[in-house]
Protein backbone atom coordinates (compact mmCIF):
# COMPACT_ATOMS: atom_id res chain seq x y z
CA MET A 1 20.17 -3.12 -49.44
CA ASP A 2 19.69 -3.48 -45.80
CA ILE A 3 23.02 -3.25 -44.00
CA ALA A 4 22.98 -4.17 -40.34
CA ILE A 5 25.51 -2.21 -38.27
CA ASN A 6 26.73 -3.95 -35.17
CA PRO A 7 26.01 -1.73 -32.14
CA LEU A 8 29.23 -2.80 -30.50
CA TYR A 9 31.09 -1.55 -33.55
CA VAL A 10 29.51 1.96 -33.17
CA VAL A 11 30.18 2.12 -29.45
CA GLY A 12 33.83 1.23 -30.09
CA TRP A 13 34.19 4.12 -32.54
CA ILE A 14 32.50 6.47 -30.03
CA TRP A 15 34.92 5.42 -27.29
CA LEU A 16 37.87 5.86 -29.65
CA GLY A 17 36.73 9.37 -30.52
CA ILE A 18 36.29 10.32 -26.91
CA PHE A 19 39.80 8.93 -26.07
CA ILE A 20 41.45 10.82 -28.97
CA GLY A 21 39.51 14.01 -28.04
CA CYS A 22 40.63 13.78 -24.43
CA LEU A 23 44.29 13.35 -25.48
CA ALA A 24 44.08 16.29 -27.89
CA GLY A 25 42.39 18.47 -25.24
CA PHE A 26 44.97 17.57 -22.67
CA PHE A 27 47.78 18.34 -25.07
CA LEU A 28 46.25 21.69 -26.06
CA CYS A 29 45.68 22.74 -22.45
CA SER A 30 49.22 21.85 -21.45
CA MET A 31 50.66 23.84 -24.37
CA MET A 32 48.60 26.89 -23.49
CA THR A 33 49.47 26.75 -19.75
CA SER A 34 53.16 26.25 -20.40
CA SER A 35 53.35 29.42 -22.54
CA ARG A 36 51.44 31.33 -19.88
CA ASN A 37 53.80 30.01 -17.14
CA VAL A 38 56.82 31.23 -19.16
CA GLU A 39 55.24 34.72 -19.44
CA LEU A 40 54.51 34.77 -15.70
CA GLU A 41 58.03 33.70 -14.78
CA ALA A 42 59.48 36.42 -16.98
CA GLU A 43 57.23 38.98 -15.30
CA ILE A 44 58.29 37.74 -11.86
CA SER A 45 61.98 38.05 -12.72
CA HIS A 46 61.38 41.59 -14.05
CA HIS A 47 59.65 42.52 -10.76
CA ILE A 48 62.48 41.08 -8.73
CA PHE A 49 64.95 43.11 -10.75
CA VAL A 50 62.97 46.33 -10.23
CA ARG A 51 62.58 45.61 -6.51
CA ASN A 52 66.34 45.12 -6.13
CA ALA A 53 67.05 48.32 -8.01
CA LEU A 54 64.66 50.30 -5.81
CA LYS A 55 66.21 48.77 -2.67
CA GLU A 56 69.65 49.97 -3.82
CA GLU A 57 68.28 53.42 -4.46
CA ILE A 58 66.70 53.55 -0.98
CA PHE A 59 69.97 52.50 0.65
CA LYS A 60 71.84 55.18 -1.32
CA LEU A 61 69.36 57.81 -0.14
CA GLU A 62 69.42 56.67 3.48
CA ASN A 63 73.20 56.48 3.77
CA GLN A 64 73.80 59.80 2.06
CA SER A 65 75.52 62.28 4.38
CA LYS A 66 74.02 65.69 4.89
CA PRO A 67 75.61 68.47 2.91
CA THR A 68 77.96 70.80 4.68
CA PRO A 69 76.36 74.08 5.61
CA ARG A 70 77.31 77.21 3.70
CA LYS A 71 79.81 79.53 5.20
CA LYS A 72 78.42 82.74 6.52
CA ARG A 73 79.26 85.76 4.57
CA ASN A 74 81.03 88.56 6.42
CA LEU A 75 79.17 91.46 4.85
CA ARG A 76 79.24 94.64 6.75
CA VAL A 77 76.72 97.31 6.12
CA LYS A 78 78.43 100.47 5.05
CA SER A 79 77.10 103.53 6.80
CA LEU A 80 75.10 105.68 4.49
CA LYS A 81 74.77 109.35 5.17
CA VAL A 82 71.44 110.83 4.36
CA GLY A 83 71.68 113.58 1.83
CA ASP A 84 74.92 112.53 0.16
CA ASN A 85 74.82 112.18 -3.54
């Protein structure tokens, strides 16, 4: 049994395999990049939230008034006599 295979038939199957492989590769790459983009966007929004919180804290510290100074104590030293018990 000698079966002759048409070379054009084989080339057609090869091109079909290449086409389907390219489509599958493109689909797989797009799915992987979209999930990575979602992670990066979530990280960016977290960093923006932290930055805004730190800005608010800096403004609170800068606008904070100085504390009032303590009142001086009026303590007078009592005279001590040497030799008194």
